[in-house]
Amino acid sequence: MMHLVEPCACPFADQAGSVNTHHLELPPLGLYIHLPWCIRKCPYCDFNSYPTSELPFAAYSERLLADLEQELSAPAAQRPIQTVFIGGGTPSLFPGWAIRRLLDGVRSRSELAADAEITLESNPGTLDPQRLDDYRAAGVNRLSLGVQSLSAKHLRQLRRIHGPEEARAAVQMARAAGFTNINLDLMFGLPEQDLAQARADLDEALALVPEHLSYYQLTLEPGTVFGTRPPVLPDPDLIAEMGWAGAEYLETSGYRRYEVSAYARPGYICRHNLNYWQFGDYLGIGAGAHGKLTTCPQDPAHPWQIWRTEKPRHPRLYLRTSPAWPQVRRRLLTDEDLVVEFALNALRLTQGFAIGLFAARTGRPGSWITAKLTTAAQKGLVQIGHGRIEPTPRGYDLLDSLLLDLIETEI
């Protein structure tokens, strides 16, 4: 359970999303750490990652901790960190001692919640028993495995560095190391994939009994190899059927869908990602890392300020620059930004959100978010009532259209 801390003399939202002048607690705070290197770049990947065979483990770890110190100098950041997510790239290229040094540095510089969820993304082709033992001893308690498929043919098409056997072995080694919270990333809509093959991938994944599954469609992103030279993908109607059938199968297998592509067994929702979708705060350290921080003025007559930050993208530039604020791109969200960005995140949740959450996270009236979504409600894409806004099944199927309407609608 994430804790709310730091009472602040800012407007407080009730269940209906109205605003008054009681004290309000700032949202939960997470920490995202970006390790940008991988063995080779996958052809579908548009993440900020760079293939290399030489990694500056010590230098980059020290730069990350200097970055964190600078982030923590902001008064609004001086509250307990509830979740840590180490993403990439391929963080599992970093040896256990480097992850331990990093997490020990986080603990010595900040207040890390006693029950903090600490996730490490990993590639099955980079893991071995000792490395997993070291990660667990360092404090990592949630492992996210980029399996993508359990078909040798499709893994070759995706140019992954591992095969199905390595994926299965990685889960077994992780269990032996003591991991009791494992996520598997799995794709559908792969080149030449049919419905039976997509179901077989799910069967193979569920046989590994993960606590969490991220099941998402392969998309061809601009600037990637697949974006430039697209493979032959299944028919869009077939891809849609894969998504519907997969969602139904996962639900009947005990995995509750709580976000567009996220499924979890009871008690294993990813707290870090849920904080993103509920418009919580997070510090971002590392090359290209993004952050969001709410600052609360002393004068309750003035609205909150919510800032987004972005660090230099290329690791060489990041390593040689100072972590001081002038090196960081900072953007103050406008009132329009707050409405759009909140909805872009919260509408990904299958249960939608309480209107009061918008007011609580932004300090603005809940009527703003209902006004923004009136057109979507008229189209049958969302339901507004009883203090909540929820996407309809049709809205979920047409989520891209719903979000486009959102961006184009004035408050």
Protein backbone atom coordinates (compact mmCIF):
# COMPACT_ATOMS: atom_id res chain seq x y z
CA MET A 1 0.00 0.00 0.00
CA MET A 2 1.44 3.40 -0.98
CA HIS A 3 1.47 6.04 1.73
CA LEU A 4 0.47 9.68 1.35
CA VAL A 5 2.74 12.12 3.15
CA GLU A 6 3.63 15.78 3.55
CA PRO A 7 0.46 17.69 4.42
CA CYS A 8 0.30 20.89 2.42
CA ALA A 9 -1.87 24.01 2.70
CA CYS A 10 -3.29 23.66 -0.78
CA PRO A 11 -6.82 23.10 -2.07
CA PHE A 12 -8.31 19.77 -1.06
CA ALA A 13 -10.66 17.78 -3.29
CA ASP A 14 -13.68 15.89 -2.03
CA GLN A 15 -15.25 12.83 -3.67
CA ALA A 16 -17.13 14.97 -6.21
CA GLY A 17 -13.97 16.78 -7.21
CA SER A 18 -14.81 20.17 -5.68
CA VAL A 19 -12.02 22.15 -4.07
CA ASN A 20 -11.77 23.71 -0.61
CA THR A 21 -8.94 25.03 1.51
CA HIS A 22 -8.22 22.13 3.86
CA HIS A 23 -4.79 20.59 4.02
CA LEU A 24 -3.92 18.13 1.27
CA GLU A 25 -1.20 15.51 1.22
CA LEU A 26 1.14 15.36 -1.74
CA PRO A 27 0.89 12.28 -3.98
CA PRO A 28 3.10 9.21 -3.56
CA LEU A 29 6.72 9.56 -4.71
CA GLY A 30 8.54 6.99 -6.82
CA LEU A 31 12.05 6.82 -8.26
CA TYR A 32 12.87 5.80 -11.83
CA ILE A 33 16.50 4.89 -12.64
CA HIS A 34 17.48 4.55 -16.30
CA LEU A 35 20.35 2.26 -17.34
CA PRO A 36 20.54 2.92 -21.10
CA TRP A 37 22.74 0.15 -22.49
CA CYS A 38 21.91 -3.14 -24.17
CA ILE A 39 23.84 -5.83 -26.04
CA ARG A 40 22.07 -4.93 -29.28
CA LYS A 41 19.14 -2.76 -30.20
CA CYS A 42 15.94 -4.65 -30.96
CA PRO A 43 14.37 -3.61 -34.29
CA TYR A 44 11.06 -2.57 -32.68
CA CYS A 45 12.56 -0.63 -29.75
CA ASP A 46 12.20 3.15 -29.55
CA PHE A 47 13.42 3.43 -25.95
CA ASN A 48 16.45 5.52 -25.09
CA SER A 49 18.96 2.66 -25.34
CA TYR A 50 22.40 2.15 -26.89
CA PRO A 51 24.17 -1.08 -27.85
CA THR A 52 27.63 -1.49 -26.38
CA SER A 53 30.03 -4.12 -25.08
CA GLU A 54 31.75 -1.82 -22.55
CA LEU A 55 29.78 -0.34 -19.71
CA PRO A 56 31.09 2.22 -17.18
CA PHE A 57 29.45 0.56 -14.20
CA ALA A 58 31.16 2.53 -11.43
CA ALA A 59 31.22 5.91 -13.16
CA TYR A 60 27.57 5.71 -14.18
CA SER A 61 26.48 4.59 -10.71
CA GLU A 62 28.25 7.56 -9.14
CA ARG A 63 26.71 9.93 -11.68
CA LEU A 64 23.26 8.53 -10.90
CA LEU A 65 23.74 9.16 -7.19
CA ALA A 66 24.92 12.72 -7.83
CA ASP A 67 21.81 13.16 -9.96
CA LEU A 68 19.67 11.83 -7.12
CA GLU A 69 21.26 14.22 -4.62
CA GLN A 70 20.36 17.13 -6.88
CA GLU A 71 16.78 15.88 -7.22
CA LEU A 72 16.47 15.52 -3.46
CA SER A 73 17.57 19.11 -2.91
CA ALA A 74 14.08 20.20 -3.96
CA PRO A 75 11.90 20.58 -0.83
CA ALA A 76 9.00 18.76 -2.53
CA ALA A 77 11.23 15.70 -3.04
CA GLN A 78 12.06 15.35 0.64
CA ARG A 79 9.53 12.63 1.46
CA PRO A 80 9.63 8.83 1.51
CA ILE A 81 10.22 7.02 -1.79
CA GLN A 82 7.58 4.32 -2.12
CA THR A 83 8.78 2.52 -5.25
CA VAL A 84 11.97 2.18 -7.30
CA PHE A 85 12.02 1.04 -10.92
CA ILE A 86 15.34 0.29 -12.64
CA GLY A 87 14.64 0.31 -16.38
CA GLY A 88 16.52 0.47 -19.64
CA GLY A 89 18.09 -0.61 -21.92
CA THR A 90 18.99 -3.82 -20.22
CA PRO A 91 19.62 -3.18 -16.51
CA SER A 92 20.59 -6.82 -16.01
CA LEU A 93 23.83 -6.09 -17.85
CA PHE A 94 24.89 -4.41 -14.59
CA PRO A 95 26.52 -6.87 -12.18
CA GLY A 96 25.15 -7.43 -8.71
CA TRP A 97 27.80 -5.28 -7.02
CA ALA A 98 26.85 -2.28 -9.17
CA ILE A 99 23.14 -2.65 -8.38
CA ARG A 100 23.97 -3.02 -4.68
CA ARG A 101 26.15 0.12 -4.76
CA LEU A 102 23.34 1.98 -6.47
CA LEU A 103 20.56 0.88 -4.11
CA ASP A 104 22.75 1.38 -1.03
CA GLY A 105 23.38 4.90 -2.31
CA VAL A 106 19.66 5.51 -2.70
CA ARG A 107 19.04 4.31 0.87
CA SER A 108 21.80 6.49 2.32
CA ARG A 109 20.56 9.63 0.55
CA SER A 110 16.80 9.31 0.85
CA GLU A 111 14.07 7.81 2.99
CA LEU A 112 13.12 4.58 1.26
CA ALA A 113 9.85 3.12 2.55
CA ALA A 114 10.27 -0.12 4.50
CA ASP A 115 7.89 -1.89 2.12
CA ALA A 116 9.24 -0.24 -1.04
CA GLU A 117 8.65 -2.12 -4.28
CA ILE A 118 12.01 -2.32 -6.09
CA THR A 119 11.81 -3.55 -9.70
CA LEU A 120 14.67 -4.48 -12.03
CA GLU A 121 14.07 -5.01 -15.75
CA SER A 122 16.08 -7.87 -17.20
CA ASN A 123 16.74 -9.82 -20.38
CA PRO A 124 16.68 -13.62 -19.96
CA GLY A 125 19.83 -13.86 -22.08
CA THR A 126 21.88 -11.93 -19.51
CA LEU A 127 20.99 -13.80 -16.32
CA ASP A 128 22.71 -16.49 -14.26
CA PRO A 129 22.14 -17.81 -10.72
CA GLN A 130 24.86 -15.70 -9.09
CA ARG A 131 23.67 -12.48 -10.68
CA LEU A 132 20.09 -13.12 -9.54
CA ASP A 133 21.26 -13.99 -6.01
CA ASP A 134 23.18 -10.71 -5.94
CA TYR A 135 20.20 -8.67 -7.15
CA ARG A 136 17.98 -10.19 -4.49
CA ALA A 137 20.60 -9.55 -1.79
CA ALA A 138 20.88 -5.93 -2.98
CA GLY A 139 17.18 -5.43 -2.24
CA VAL A 140 15.51 -5.99 -5.61
CA ASN A 141 12.16 -7.62 -4.80
CA ARG A 142 10.39 -7.51 -8.17
CA LEU A 143 11.89 -8.86 -11.40
CA SER A 144 10.53 -7.91 -14.82
CA LEU A 145 11.64 -10.31 -17.58
CA GLY A 146 11.54 -9.19 -21.21
CA VAL A 147 10.45 -12.53 -22.63
CA GLN A 148 8.39 -11.07 -25.56
CA SER A 149 7.61 -14.54 -26.96
CA LEU A 150 8.20 -18.18 -26.16
CA SER A 151 8.41 -19.15 -29.83
CA ALA A 152 11.91 -19.65 -31.20
CA LYS A 153 10.74 -18.48 -34.62
CA HIS A 154 9.26 -15.23 -33.35
CA LEU A 155 12.19 -14.52 -31.06
CA ARG A 156 14.48 -14.77 -34.09
CA GLN A 157 12.22 -12.40 -36.02
CA LEU A 158 12.37 -9.96 -33.12
CA ARG A 159 16.17 -10.45 -33.03
CA ARG A 160 16.19 -11.14 -29.32
CA ILE A 161 19.42 -12.42 -27.77
CA HIS A 162 17.63 -15.26 -25.96
CA GLY A 163 15.57 -18.28 -26.90
CA PRO A 164 12.60 -19.97 -25.21
CA GLU A 165 14.88 -22.18 -23.11
CA GLU A 166 16.71 -19.18 -21.65
CA ALA A 167 13.37 -17.56 -20.77
CA ARG A 168 12.16 -20.63 -18.89
CA ALA A 169 15.53 -21.05 -17.18
CA ALA A 170 15.50 -17.39 -16.11
CA VAL A 171 12.21 -17.85 -14.28
CA GLN A 172 13.47 -21.01 -12.57
CA MET A 173 16.71 -19.29 -11.50
CA ALA A 174 14.78 -16.28 -10.23
CA ARG A 175 12.55 -18.52 -8.10
CA ALA A 176 15.63 -20.28 -6.73
CA ALA A 177 17.09 -16.86 -5.82
CA GLY A 178 13.96 -16.05 -3.79
CA PHE A 179 11.97 -13.84 -6.14
CA THR A 180 8.27 -14.12 -5.39
CA ASN A 181 7.12 -11.23 -7.62
CA ILE A 182 7.94 -11.76 -11.30
CA ASN A 183 6.53 -9.97 -14.34
CA LEU A 184 6.78 -11.32 -17.87
CA ASP A 185 6.61 -9.00 -20.87
CA LEU A 186 4.84 -10.75 -23.76
CA MET A 187 3.90 -9.42 -27.21
CA PHE A 188 1.17 -10.32 -29.67
CA GLY A 189 0.61 -9.30 -33.28
CA LEU A 190 4.06 -10.59 -34.20
CA PRO A 191 5.18 -11.11 -37.82
CA GLU A 192 3.27 -14.01 -39.39
CA GLN A 193 1.66 -14.88 -36.05
CA ASP A 194 -1.77 -16.50 -36.06
CA LEU A 195 -4.36 -16.84 -33.32
CA ALA A 196 -3.24 -20.33 -32.29
CA GLN A 197 0.39 -19.19 -31.98
CA ALA A 198 -0.62 -16.21 -29.84
CA ARG A 199 -2.60 -18.56 -27.57
CA ALA A 200 0.36 -20.98 -27.42
CA ASP A 201 2.60 -18.11 -26.26
CA LEU A 202 0.15 -17.33 -23.47
CA ASP A 203 -0.06 -21.01 -22.49
CA GLU A 204 3.74 -21.19 -22.28
CA ALA A 205 3.91 -17.98 -20.25
CA LEU A 206 1.19 -19.02 -17.80
CA ALA A 207 2.93 -22.36 -17.29
CA LEU A 208 5.73 -20.32 -15.68
CA VAL A 209 3.17 -18.96 -13.15
CA PRO A 210 4.26 -15.30 -13.11
CA GLU A 211 2.61 -12.96 -10.62
CA HIS A 212 2.20 -10.28 -13.29
CA LEU A 213 1.98 -10.24 -17.06
CA SER A 214 2.41 -7.29 -19.44
CA TYR A 215 0.63 -8.36 -22.62
CA TYR A 216 0.89 -5.81 -25.39
CA GLN A 217 0.72 -5.43 -29.14
CA LEU A 218 3.86 -5.05 -31.25
CA THR A 219 3.78 -1.57 -32.76
CA LEU A 220 5.99 -0.21 -35.54
CA GLU A 221 7.48 2.98 -34.14
CA PRO A 222 9.03 5.74 -36.29
CA GLY A 223 12.82 5.78 -36.17
CA THR A 224 13.16 2.05 -35.47
CA VAL A 225 14.38 -0.63 -37.86
CA PHE A 226 10.87 -2.07 -38.08
CA GLY A 227 9.49 1.43 -38.60
CA THR A 228 11.80 1.92 -41.58
CA ARG A 229 11.58 -1.62 -42.99
CA PRO A 230 8.28 -3.01 -41.70
CA PRO A 231 7.86 -6.77 -41.39
CA VAL A 232 4.67 -8.41 -42.59
CA LEU A 233 2.27 -8.27 -39.67
CA PRO A 234 -1.06 -10.07 -39.25
CA ASP A 235 -4.26 -8.44 -40.49
CA PRO A 236 -5.44 -5.67 -38.10
CA ASP A 237 -8.70 -7.52 -37.42
CA LEU A 238 -6.75 -10.64 -36.50
CA ILE A 239 -4.48 -8.62 -34.21
CA ALA A 240 -7.56 -7.16 -32.51
CA GLU A 241 -8.94 -10.67 -32.06
CA MET A 242 -5.64 -11.76 -30.50
CA GLY A 243 -5.94 -8.90 -28.02
CA TRP A 244 -9.55 -9.67 -27.08
CA ALA A 245 -8.98 -13.42 -26.84
CA GLY A 246 -5.80 -12.94 -24.82
CA ALA A 247 -7.48 -10.57 -22.38
CA GLU A 248 -10.37 -12.98 -21.83
CA TYR A 249 -8.03 -15.95 -21.40
CA LEU A 250 -5.88 -14.14 -18.87
CA GLU A 251 -8.93 -13.04 -16.88
CA THR A 252 -10.25 -16.61 -16.72
CA SER A 253 -6.76 -17.78 -15.69
CA GLY A 254 -6.77 -15.60 -12.57
CA TYR A 255 -5.03 -12.47 -13.89
CA ARG A 256 -7.08 -9.31 -13.44
CA ARG A 257 -6.63 -6.70 -16.11
CA TYR A 258 -6.15 -3.35 -14.41
CA GLU A 259 -4.57 -1.33 -17.24
CA VAL A 260 -4.52 -1.53 -21.04
CA SER A 261 -1.68 -4.06 -21.14
CA ALA A 262 -1.23 -5.04 -17.47
CA TYR A 263 -2.58 -8.16 -15.77
CA ALA A 264 -1.90 -9.27 -12.22
CA ARG A 265 -2.77 -11.99 -9.77
CA PRO A 266 -4.39 -10.64 -6.57
CA GLY A 267 -1.92 -8.52 -4.59
CA TYR A 268 0.63 -8.12 -7.40
CA ILE A 269 -0.37 -4.95 -9.23
CA CYS A 270 2.78 -2.98 -10.13
CA ARG A 271 2.71 -0.16 -7.61
CA HIS A 272 5.30 1.91 -9.47
CA ASN A 273 3.39 1.95 -12.75
CA LEU A 274 0.07 2.45 -10.97
CA ASN A 275 1.55 5.62 -9.50
CA TYR A 276 2.25 6.89 -13.04
CA TRP A 277 -1.32 6.17 -14.16
CA GLN A 278 -2.78 7.84 -11.08
CA PHE A 279 -0.69 10.97 -11.72
CA GLY A 280 1.64 10.50 -8.77
CA ASP A 281 5.09 12.03 -8.49
CA TYR A 282 8.39 10.42 -9.40
CA LEU A 283 12.02 11.42 -9.60
CA GLY A 284 13.86 10.40 -12.76
CA ILE A 285 17.63 9.86 -12.78
CA GLY A 286 19.82 8.60 -15.59
CA ALA A 287 20.35 9.36 -19.27
CA GLY A 288 17.07 10.57 -20.75
CA ALA A 289 15.10 9.90 -17.56
CA HIS A 290 11.85 11.81 -17.08
CA GLY A 291 10.40 12.99 -13.78
CA LYS A 292 7.29 14.71 -12.40
CA LEU A 293 7.17 16.69 -9.18
CA THR A 294 4.38 18.62 -7.47
CA THR A 295 5.41 21.78 -5.64
CA CYS A 296 3.02 23.40 -3.22
CA PRO A 297 3.17 27.17 -2.60
CA GLN A 298 2.93 28.48 0.94
CA ASP A 299 0.04 30.73 -0.05
CA PRO A 300 -3.08 28.52 -0.46
CA ALA A 301 -4.58 31.16 -2.77
CA HIS A 302 -2.08 30.11 -5.43
CA PRO A 303 -2.46 26.82 -7.34
CA TRP A 304 0.03 24.02 -7.20
CA GLN A 305 2.83 23.91 -9.70
CA ILE A 306 3.59 20.58 -11.37
CA TRP A 307 6.89 20.25 -13.19
CA ARG A 308 8.15 17.67 -15.66
CA THR A 309 11.89 17.16 -16.07
CA GLU A 310 14.09 15.39 -18.60
CA LYS A 311 17.79 14.56 -18.33
CA PRO A 312 20.30 14.62 -21.25
CA ARG A 313 19.52 11.60 -23.43
CA HIS A 314 22.90 10.31 -24.59
CA PRO A 315 24.88 8.52 -21.87
CA ARG A 316 28.16 10.18 -22.89
CA LEU A 317 26.60 13.63 -22.56
CA TYR A 318 24.89 12.64 -19.32
CA LEU A 319 28.15 11.35 -17.83
CA ARG A 320 30.13 14.47 -18.58
CA THR A 321 27.59 17.09 -17.49
CA SER A 322 26.86 18.37 -14.01
CA PRO A 323 23.65 17.18 -12.37
CA ALA A 324 22.83 20.83 -11.54
CA TRP A 325 19.40 22.10 -12.54
CA PRO A 326 20.59 24.16 -15.57
CA GLN A 327 21.47 20.87 -17.27
CA VAL A 328 17.92 19.57 -16.87
CA ARG A 329 15.02 20.37 -19.18
CA ARG A 330 12.19 21.53 -16.97
CA ARG A 331 8.62 22.25 -18.08
CA LEU A 332 5.84 23.74 -15.97
CA LEU A 333 2.51 22.12 -16.80
CA THR A 334 -0.25 24.54 -17.78
CA ASP A 335 -3.83 24.04 -16.63
CA GLU A 336 -4.62 22.50 -20.04
CA ASP A 337 -1.59 20.20 -19.71
CA LEU A 338 -2.80 19.01 -16.31
CA VAL A 339 -6.21 18.00 -17.62
CA VAL A 340 -4.88 16.26 -20.73
CA GLU A 341 -1.94 14.50 -19.07
CA PHE A 342 -4.00 13.31 -16.12
CA ALA A 343 -6.63 11.82 -18.42
CA LEU A 344 -4.07 10.31 -20.81
CA ASN A 345 -2.73 8.32 -17.86
CA ALA A 346 -5.85 7.60 -15.81
CA LEU A 347 -8.01 6.47 -18.74
CA ARG A 348 -5.64 3.55 -19.26
CA LEU A 349 -6.98 2.05 -16.04
CA THR A 350 -9.80 -0.44 -16.56
CA GLN A 351 -11.69 0.87 -13.52
CA GLY A 352 -11.20 4.49 -14.52
CA PHE A 353 -10.78 7.00 -11.70
CA ALA A 354 -12.61 8.99 -9.06
CA ILE A 355 -13.20 12.56 -10.15
CA GLY A 356 -11.87 13.59 -6.75
CA LEU A 357 -8.51 12.04 -7.67
CA PHE A 358 -8.05 14.63 -10.43
CA ALA A 359 -8.63 17.45 -7.97
CA ALA A 360 -6.42 15.78 -5.37
CA ARG A 361 -3.53 15.31 -7.79
CA THR A 362 -3.72 18.71 -9.50
CA GLY A 363 -5.37 21.11 -7.03
CA ARG A 364 -7.86 22.07 -9.78
CA PRO A 365 -11.65 21.59 -9.78
CA GLY A 366 -12.95 18.17 -10.78
CA SER A 367 -15.41 19.92 -13.11
CA TRP A 368 -12.47 20.56 -15.46
CA ILE A 369 -11.94 16.88 -16.18
CA THR A 370 -15.67 16.17 -16.62
CA ALA A 371 -15.93 19.07 -19.07
CA LYS A 372 -12.96 17.73 -21.02
CA LEU A 373 -14.57 14.31 -21.35
CA THR A 374 -18.14 15.38 -22.16
CA THR A 375 -17.68 14.74 -25.90
CA ALA A 376 -16.22 11.30 -25.22
CA ALA A 377 -19.21 10.51 -22.98
CA GLN A 378 -21.63 11.60 -25.73
CA LYS A 379 -19.85 9.17 -28.10
CA GLY A 380 -20.26 6.33 -25.61
CA LEU A 381 -16.52 6.07 -24.94
CA VAL A 382 -16.64 6.91 -21.21
CA GLN A 383 -19.23 6.85 -18.44
CA ILE A 384 -19.46 9.79 -16.03
CA GLY A 385 -21.43 9.30 -12.84
CA HIS A 386 -21.38 8.54 -9.11
CA GLY A 387 -18.19 10.58 -8.73
CA ARG A 388 -16.25 8.45 -11.23
CA ILE A 389 -15.17 8.44 -14.86
CA GLU A 390 -14.68 5.03 -16.48
CA PRO A 391 -13.93 4.00 -20.06
CA THR A 392 -16.65 1.86 -21.61
CA PRO A 393 -15.73 -1.43 -23.35
CA ARG A 394 -16.13 0.46 -26.63
CA GLY A 395 -13.92 3.25 -25.31
CA TYR A 396 -11.26 0.74 -24.40
CA ASP A 397 -11.37 -0.75 -27.88
CA LEU A 398 -11.11 2.75 -29.37
CA LEU A 399 -8.66 4.14 -26.83
CA ASP A 400 -6.52 5.92 -29.44
CA SER A 401 -9.60 7.71 -30.77
CA LEU A 402 -10.68 8.56 -27.24
CA LEU A 403 -7.30 10.08 -26.42
CA LEU A 404 -7.28 12.05 -29.69
CA ASP A 405 -10.69 13.52 -28.80
CA LEU A 406 -9.30 14.40 -25.41
CA ILE A 407 -6.38 16.34 -26.86
CA GLU A 408 -8.60 18.27 -29.27
CA THR A 409 -11.37 19.17 -26.78
CA GLU A 410 -11.11 22.49 -24.96
CA ILE A 411 -11.91 22.73 -21.27
